[in-house]
Amino acid sequence: MLAQVKKMAGGDVAGRLGAWWSGRDYVPPLEGEAAASEDKPAARADAPKAEAAKAPVTPEPAPAEPPVSIAPIPAKPAPAAPPVDGGEVRIRALETLWGEGRLSPGSFALDTHMIDAALELADRSGAIGFIGADASLLNAFAAQSDRKPIANEWRAACVSRLNQLVANAAFTVSEVDRPRGFQDGALPAIVSVEAFAYSDHKAGLVGRVFRALDAGGRWVFVDTTRRTKKTPPQAFASAWAEPQLATNDEIEELLALAGFKTIRRASVADLVLSAAKQGYANLTQVVESAAGSGLSGREGALFLQELAWEAQSWRARMRALEGGALEMNLWVADRSEQQGPLKIALDQLIRPDDAGAADTLFE
């Protein structure tokens, strides 16, 4: 049995047990020491204790325990910065240039003309539909009428901002040429902004609007049209989507084919140019204000980029409007026969000081 234990313990049973008992690591003896210990006879049991005392055994010092290495506690990672919402930054840039609640150059006068035209025949009950309207137009409508606006918005990024600025409005996200949320024959009027300009299926847009209007319904819309074969691409470099501009004749044909009995239009290019020039006249002050608002990092860079794109794009669009390559008109299409011109006074808002300040930007 002792032989088996020695075999299991590697031969040095006493050394291993001693190390275990004293709580230190076992160090095997050298080869010569191991052989000598095996040849040395065992001590007699009746040997005098004094003899044993003559040759005291000096214990070997216990080997130093290796230092315990403690793994460093990893530092808590810094929380990741929230992703920048490009749509939100873009809306902020547009409002910085054109005014709160505006996504393009506009004015209270133009908003009022559109609403007056929409409500002129709306002597019947019912909500008013909107397509692509910004917060300024919807709030101007709320100031003139207690009817509920039903708004279709094709720019999904704008819905959150519209909900912040506009009360008592029902918003539906849909494609510009497939407005939803309008019941057939239920609306006395629909107002839209640049729906034709960005609509790919224009006949579908006209058909859906026509069906949503009641028998005496009216569609009022402001749109950009082209007078050339191609759309100037630099004039829409900052647009929400690729423009699909039509001519005035093409729009009139679609409206007539859908069943509108009376179709009239009036130019609003001067009103839009006035609003755009006023925005440009304030551009330096706007940029300084934006720089002092604490924008930095990627968000600040994106904001300035959007602001620059919008300013450069509208600069080209203004030149195209002034040169006659593009037109901007206020259209009124009625499902019933109407007589006489539009009862709209399209007053000019350009003041000499504003125009002069803006013209210096284009020299």
Protein backbone atom coordinates (compact mmCIF):
# COMPACT_ATOMS: atom_id res chain seq x y z
CA MET A 1 0.00 0.00 0.00
CA LEU A 2 2.88 2.37 0.81
CA ALA A 3 4.26 1.69 -2.63
CA GLN A 4 0.97 2.67 -4.21
CA VAL A 5 0.84 5.92 -2.22
CA LYS A 6 4.43 6.71 -3.20
CA LYS A 7 3.54 6.09 -6.80
CA MET A 8 0.56 8.42 -6.60
CA ALA A 9 2.52 11.13 -4.76
CA GLY A 10 5.54 10.90 -7.03
CA GLY A 11 7.78 9.23 -4.42
CA ASP A 12 8.17 12.15 -1.99
CA VAL A 13 5.16 11.53 0.25
CA ALA A 14 6.57 13.34 3.28
CA GLY A 15 7.57 16.40 1.25
CA ARG A 16 4.17 16.73 -0.33
CA LEU A 17 2.28 16.25 2.95
CA GLY A 18 4.56 18.74 4.67
CA ALA A 19 3.98 21.35 2.03
CA TRP A 20 0.25 20.76 2.20
CA TRP A 21 0.23 21.02 6.00
CA SER A 22 2.26 24.24 6.12
CA GLY A 23 0.21 25.82 3.33
CA ARG A 24 3.08 26.33 0.90
CA ASP A 25 3.76 25.14 -2.60
CA TYR A 26 5.45 21.81 -2.94
CA VAL A 27 9.07 22.03 -4.21
CA PRO A 28 10.46 18.66 -5.31
CA PRO A 29 13.95 17.80 -4.01
CA LEU A 30 16.96 17.74 -6.28
CA GLU A 31 18.01 14.47 -7.84
CA GLY A 32 20.96 13.84 -5.47
CA GLU A 33 19.01 14.70 -2.36
CA ALA A 34 16.20 12.37 -3.38
CA ALA A 35 18.67 9.48 -3.88
CA ALA A 36 20.39 10.07 -0.54
CA SER A 37 17.15 10.10 1.34
CA GLU A 38 16.24 6.78 -0.21
CA ASP A 39 19.61 5.13 0.79
CA LYS A 40 19.68 6.48 4.34
CA PRO A 41 18.38 3.87 6.86
CA ALA A 42 15.41 4.72 8.92
CA ALA A 43 16.09 5.95 12.46
CA ARG A 44 15.61 3.40 15.23
CA ALA A 45 12.65 3.86 17.40
CA ASP A 46 14.71 3.38 20.62
CA ALA A 47 17.48 5.82 19.70
CA PRO A 48 18.25 8.33 22.44
CA LYS A 49 16.65 11.71 21.96
CA ALA A 50 19.93 13.42 22.66
CA GLU A 51 21.45 11.91 19.52
CA ALA A 52 18.62 13.27 17.47
CA ALA A 53 19.27 16.66 19.00
CA LYS A 54 22.90 16.58 17.92
CA ALA A 55 22.00 16.82 14.25
CA PRO A 56 19.16 19.31 14.04
CA VAL A 57 17.58 19.64 10.64
CA THR A 58 17.41 23.20 9.43
CA PRO A 59 14.13 23.67 7.56
CA GLU A 60 14.37 25.25 4.16
CA PRO A 61 12.79 28.68 3.94
CA ALA A 62 9.39 28.64 2.32
CA PRO A 63 9.50 29.97 -1.22
CA ALA A 64 7.99 33.41 -1.61
CA GLU A 65 4.50 33.29 -2.96
CA PRO A 66 4.18 34.84 -6.38
CA PRO A 67 2.49 38.24 -6.33
CA VAL A 68 -1.17 38.12 -7.07
CA SER A 69 -1.94 40.08 -10.21
CA ILE A 70 -5.31 41.82 -10.08
CA ALA A 71 -6.83 42.60 -13.40
CA PRO A 72 -7.65 46.31 -13.66
CA ILE A 73 -11.33 47.15 -13.55
CA PRO A 74 -12.25 48.42 -17.00
CA ALA A 75 -13.42 52.00 -17.04
CA LYS A 76 -17.13 52.49 -17.65
CA PRO A 77 -17.57 53.39 -21.30
CA ALA A 78 -18.87 56.87 -21.93
CA PRO A 79 -22.48 56.91 -23.08
CA ALA A 80 -22.76 57.04 -26.84
CA ALA A 81 -23.89 60.37 -28.20
CA PRO A 82 -27.44 60.24 -29.52
CA PRO A 83 -27.59 60.12 -33.32
CA VAL A 84 -28.20 63.43 -35.03
CA ASP A 85 -31.67 63.68 -36.54
CA GLY A 86 -30.95 65.05 -40.02
CA GLY A 87 -34.58 65.95 -40.68
CA GLU A 88 -34.87 67.90 -37.45
CA VAL A 89 -31.65 69.82 -38.14
CA ARG A 90 -32.81 70.62 -41.65
CA ILE A 91 -36.14 71.99 -40.46
CA ARG A 92 -34.28 74.12 -37.94
CA ALA A 93 -32.10 75.53 -40.73
CA LEU A 94 -35.12 76.31 -42.92
CA GLU A 95 -36.95 78.05 -40.09
CA THR A 96 -33.80 80.00 -39.25
CA LEU A 97 -33.69 81.39 -42.79
CA TRP A 98 -37.40 81.84 -43.58
CA GLY A 99 -38.97 82.31 -40.14
CA GLU A 100 -40.55 80.07 -37.51
CA GLY A 101 -43.01 77.63 -38.97
CA ARG A 102 -41.91 78.25 -42.57
CA LEU A 103 -40.19 75.69 -44.77
CA SER A 104 -39.81 78.04 -47.75
CA PRO A 105 -40.11 81.77 -48.46
CA GLY A 106 -43.62 82.95 -47.63
CA SER A 107 -45.57 85.77 -46.10
CA PHE A 108 -48.72 86.41 -44.14
CA ALA A 109 -50.18 88.14 -47.19
CA LEU A 110 -49.75 85.05 -49.38
CA ASP A 111 -51.16 82.78 -46.66
CA THR A 112 -54.16 85.05 -46.31
CA HIS A 113 -54.85 85.07 -50.07
CA MET A 114 -54.89 81.28 -50.13
CA ILE A 115 -57.20 80.97 -47.13
CA ASP A 116 -59.56 83.67 -48.39
CA ALA A 117 -59.86 81.88 -51.71
CA ALA A 118 -60.49 78.54 -50.00
CA LEU A 119 -63.18 79.88 -47.69
CA GLU A 120 -64.92 82.09 -50.28
CA LEU A 121 -67.38 79.37 -51.29
CA ALA A 122 -67.13 77.20 -48.17
CA ASP A 123 -70.57 78.09 -46.83
CA ARG A 124 -71.26 74.43 -46.13
CA SER A 125 -70.12 72.50 -43.09
CA GLY A 126 -67.04 70.34 -43.30
CA ALA A 127 -63.33 70.26 -42.60
CA ILE A 128 -60.74 71.78 -44.91
CA GLY A 129 -58.03 69.59 -46.41
CA PHE A 130 -54.37 70.54 -46.71
CA ILE A 131 -51.47 68.96 -48.62
CA GLY A 132 -47.88 70.01 -47.87
CA ALA A 133 -48.83 73.06 -45.79
CA ASP A 134 -46.31 74.44 -43.32
CA ALA A 135 -47.14 75.53 -39.77
CA SER A 136 -47.47 79.20 -40.70
CA LEU A 137 -50.20 78.52 -43.25
CA LEU A 138 -52.08 76.18 -40.91
CA ASN A 139 -51.93 78.68 -38.04
CA ALA A 140 -53.11 81.49 -40.33
CA PHE A 141 -56.06 79.29 -41.27
CA ALA A 142 -56.84 78.60 -37.60
CA ALA A 143 -56.89 82.36 -36.96
CA GLN A 144 -59.57 82.85 -39.64
CA SER A 145 -61.73 79.76 -39.29
CA ASP A 146 -62.90 77.35 -36.61
CA ARG A 147 -63.07 74.48 -39.12
CA LYS A 148 -60.83 71.51 -38.44
CA PRO A 149 -57.84 71.17 -40.80
CA ILE A 150 -57.12 67.68 -42.12
CA ALA A 151 -53.49 67.81 -43.25
CA ASN A 152 -51.62 65.35 -45.45
CA GLU A 153 -47.85 65.63 -45.12
CA TRP A 154 -45.54 63.82 -47.53
CA ARG A 155 -42.35 64.86 -45.69
CA ALA A 156 -42.41 62.51 -42.71
CA ALA A 157 -39.68 64.47 -40.90
CA CYS A 158 -41.98 67.52 -40.71
CA VAL A 159 -44.85 65.88 -38.81
CA SER A 160 -43.21 66.12 -35.39
CA ARG A 161 -42.52 69.83 -35.84
CA LEU A 162 -46.04 70.47 -37.14
CA ASN A 163 -47.50 68.82 -34.07
CA GLN A 164 -45.42 71.15 -31.89
CA LEU A 165 -46.54 74.32 -33.64
CA VAL A 166 -50.10 73.58 -34.77
CA ALA A 167 -53.04 72.76 -32.50
CA ASN A 168 -56.33 71.12 -33.47
CA ALA A 169 -55.07 69.54 -36.68
CA ALA A 170 -55.15 65.92 -37.79
CA PHE A 171 -51.97 64.92 -39.63
CA THR A 172 -51.61 61.97 -41.98
CA VAL A 173 -48.32 60.90 -43.56
CA SER A 174 -48.84 59.92 -47.18
CA GLU A 175 -47.28 60.26 -50.59
CA VAL A 176 -47.78 63.63 -52.22
CA ASP A 177 -49.72 62.20 -55.16
CA ARG A 178 -51.76 59.81 -53.00
CA PRO A 179 -53.24 61.95 -50.20
CA ARG A 180 -55.12 59.91 -47.60
CA GLY A 181 -57.57 60.81 -44.88
CA PHE A 182 -59.96 62.60 -47.27
CA GLN A 183 -63.42 61.05 -47.53
CA ASP A 184 -65.04 61.17 -50.95
CA GLY A 185 -67.32 64.16 -51.47
CA ALA A 186 -66.83 65.46 -47.91
CA LEU A 187 -64.64 68.57 -48.21
CA PRO A 188 -65.73 72.04 -49.34
CA ALA A 189 -62.11 73.03 -50.04
CA ILE A 190 -58.56 71.68 -50.24
CA VAL A 191 -55.39 73.79 -50.06
CA SER A 192 -52.01 72.52 -51.25
CA VAL A 193 -48.46 73.84 -51.61
CA GLU A 194 -46.08 72.57 -54.31
CA ALA A 195 -48.01 69.32 -54.71
CA PHE A 196 -47.71 69.33 -58.50
CA ALA A 197 -44.02 70.24 -58.30
CA TYR A 198 -43.11 67.02 -56.48
CA SER A 199 -45.86 64.69 -57.64
CA ASP A 200 -44.77 61.85 -59.90
CA HIS A 201 -48.32 60.69 -60.73
CA LYS A 202 -50.05 64.01 -61.35
CA ALA A 203 -53.23 62.52 -62.79
CA GLY A 204 -53.62 60.43 -59.63
CA LEU A 205 -53.19 63.54 -57.45
CA VAL A 206 -55.85 65.45 -59.40
CA GLY A 207 -58.26 62.51 -59.34
CA ARG A 208 -58.03 62.01 -55.58
CA VAL A 209 -58.50 65.71 -54.83
CA PHE A 210 -61.48 65.90 -57.18
CA ARG A 211 -63.17 62.93 -55.49
CA ALA A 212 -62.59 64.35 -52.00
CA LEU A 213 -64.34 67.66 -52.82
CA ASP A 214 -68.09 68.02 -52.61
CA ALA A 215 -70.18 69.16 -55.59
CA GLY A 216 -69.33 72.84 -54.99
CA GLY A 217 -65.80 72.19 -53.79
CA ARG A 218 -62.70 74.25 -54.58
CA TRP A 219 -59.01 73.41 -54.81
CA VAL A 220 -56.61 76.27 -54.03
CA PHE A 221 -52.92 75.66 -54.57
CA VAL A 222 -49.61 77.45 -55.05
CA ASP A 223 -47.19 75.71 -57.39
CA THR A 224 -44.02 76.22 -59.36
CA THR A 225 -44.15 75.52 -63.09
CA ARG A 226 -41.51 75.60 -65.82
CA ARG A 227 -41.46 77.47 -69.09
CA THR A 228 -38.47 75.57 -70.47
CA LYS A 229 -38.03 71.96 -71.52
CA LYS A 230 -36.01 71.08 -68.42
CA THR A 231 -36.10 72.08 -64.78
CA PRO A 232 -32.98 73.99 -63.65
CA PRO A 233 -31.46 71.41 -61.26
CA GLN A 234 -29.45 73.95 -59.24
CA ALA A 235 -32.70 75.73 -58.33
CA PHE A 236 -33.89 72.66 -56.41
CA ALA A 237 -30.62 71.37 -54.97
CA SER A 238 -32.01 71.64 -51.42
CA ALA A 239 -35.48 70.27 -52.18
CA TRP A 240 -37.03 67.45 -50.15
CA ALA A 241 -37.36 65.35 -53.29
CA GLU A 242 -36.53 65.50 -56.97
CA PRO A 243 -38.81 68.07 -58.64
CA GLN A 244 -41.26 66.94 -61.31
CA LEU A 245 -42.25 70.33 -62.71
CA ALA A 246 -45.04 70.63 -65.25
CA THR A 247 -46.07 73.52 -67.47
CA ASN A 248 -49.17 75.64 -66.90
CA ASP A 249 -50.84 74.06 -69.94
CA GLU A 250 -50.24 70.54 -68.62
CA ILE A 251 -51.82 71.38 -65.25
CA GLU A 252 -54.84 73.03 -66.87
CA GLU A 253 -55.36 69.99 -69.08
CA LEU A 254 -55.27 67.59 -66.11
CA LEU A 255 -57.73 69.72 -64.14
CA ALA A 256 -60.15 69.94 -67.04
CA LEU A 257 -59.96 66.19 -67.72
CA ALA A 258 -60.74 65.46 -64.05
CA GLY A 259 -63.96 67.49 -64.26
CA PHE A 260 -63.14 70.93 -62.82
CA LYS A 261 -65.46 73.45 -64.49
CA THR A 262 -63.59 76.68 -63.77
CA ILE A 263 -59.80 77.05 -63.65
CA ARG A 264 -58.10 80.37 -62.86
CA ARG A 265 -54.65 81.42 -61.79
CA ALA A 266 -52.69 84.52 -60.74
CA SER A 267 -48.95 85.01 -60.42
CA VAL A 268 -47.52 85.15 -56.90
CA ALA A 269 -43.87 85.24 -57.97
CA ASP A 270 -43.40 88.79 -56.69
CA LEU A 271 -44.73 87.87 -53.25
CA VAL A 272 -42.39 84.88 -53.04
CA LEU A 273 -39.42 86.87 -54.33
CA SER A 274 -40.11 89.56 -51.76
CA ALA A 275 -40.13 87.02 -48.93
CA ALA A 276 -36.97 85.33 -50.24
CA LYS A 277 -35.09 88.64 -50.54
CA GLN A 278 -36.08 89.54 -47.01
CA GLY A 279 -34.63 86.24 -45.82
CA TYR A 280 -31.39 86.91 -47.68
CA ALA A 281 -31.19 90.43 -46.28
CA ASN A 282 -31.23 88.92 -42.77
CA LEU A 283 -28.83 86.09 -43.62
CA THR A 284 -25.74 87.57 -41.94
CA GLN A 285 -27.64 88.21 -38.72
CA VAL A 286 -29.17 84.74 -38.92
CA VAL A 287 -25.78 83.03 -39.20
CA GLU A 288 -24.36 85.03 -36.30
CA SER A 289 -27.36 84.14 -34.17
CA ALA A 290 -27.02 80.46 -35.07
CA ALA A 291 -23.30 80.48 -34.23
CA GLY A 292 -24.07 81.86 -30.78
CA SER A 293 -26.78 79.33 -30.02
CA GLY A 294 -24.32 76.63 -28.97
CA LEU A 295 -24.40 74.45 -32.07
CA SER A 296 -21.21 72.43 -32.34
CA GLY A 297 -19.84 69.13 -33.57
CA ARG A 298 -21.64 67.14 -36.22
CA GLU A 299 -24.98 68.81 -35.50
CA GLY A 300 -23.53 72.27 -36.00
CA ALA A 301 -21.78 71.26 -39.21
CA LEU A 302 -24.96 69.69 -40.59
CA PHE A 303 -26.97 72.79 -39.67
CA LEU A 304 -24.60 75.14 -41.50
CA GLN A 305 -24.50 72.78 -44.46
CA GLU A 306 -28.31 72.73 -44.74
CA LEU A 307 -28.45 76.50 -44.36
CA ALA A 308 -25.88 76.97 -47.13
CA TRP A 309 -27.65 74.54 -49.47
CA GLU A 310 -30.99 76.27 -48.97
CA ALA A 311 -29.56 79.74 -49.50
CA GLN A 312 -27.65 78.72 -52.64
CA SER A 313 -30.61 76.79 -54.05
CA TRP A 314 -33.09 79.61 -53.57
CA ARG A 315 -30.64 82.08 -55.02
CA ALA A 316 -30.72 80.08 -58.27
CA ARG A 317 -34.50 79.70 -58.09
CA MET A 318 -34.99 83.44 -57.66
CA ARG A 319 -32.91 84.09 -60.75
CA ALA A 320 -34.97 81.55 -62.69
CA LEU A 321 -38.20 83.25 -61.54
CA GLU A 322 -36.90 86.71 -62.42
CA GLY A 323 -35.64 85.48 -65.80
CA GLY A 324 -38.90 83.76 -66.69
CA ALA A 325 -37.65 80.17 -66.73
CA LEU A 326 -39.92 79.36 -63.76
CA GLU A 327 -43.31 80.67 -62.65
CA MET A 328 -45.15 80.59 -59.34
CA ASN A 329 -48.92 80.85 -59.49
CA LEU A 330 -51.88 80.71 -57.17
CA TRP A 331 -54.43 78.39 -58.77
CA VAL A 332 -58.14 78.10 -58.02
CA ALA A 333 -60.00 75.14 -59.53
CA ASP A 334 -63.76 74.79 -58.93
CA ARG A 335 -66.02 71.82 -59.47
CA SER A 336 -68.88 74.23 -60.29
CA GLU A 337 -69.13 77.04 -62.85
CA GLN A 338 -67.81 80.39 -61.58
CA GLN A 339 -67.96 83.83 -63.16
CA GLY A 340 -65.55 86.74 -63.05
CA PRO A 341 -61.92 87.11 -62.01
CA LEU A 342 -60.51 85.99 -58.70
CA LYS A 343 -61.37 88.28 -55.80
CA ILE A 344 -57.78 88.47 -54.63
CA ALA A 345 -55.67 91.62 -54.32
CA LEU A 346 -52.11 90.43 -54.86
CA ASP A 347 -50.38 93.42 -53.32
CA GLN A 348 -46.64 93.94 -53.57
CA LEU A 349 -44.67 93.78 -50.34
CA ILE A 350 -41.19 94.82 -51.56
CA ARG A 351 -39.96 97.97 -49.88
CA PRO A 352 -37.03 99.91 -51.37
CA ASP A 353 -34.76 99.33 -48.38
CA ASP A 354 -35.41 95.59 -48.32
CA ALA A 355 -34.95 95.21 -52.06
CA GLY A 356 -31.71 97.20 -52.05
CA ALA A 357 -30.26 95.18 -49.19
CA ALA A 358 -31.12 91.93 -50.92
CA ASP A 359 -29.84 92.97 -54.35
CA THR A 360 -26.31 93.42 -53.00
CA LEU A 361 -26.18 89.68 -52.37
CA PHE A 362 -26.45 88.96 -56.10
CA GLU A 363 -23.80 91.35 -57.42
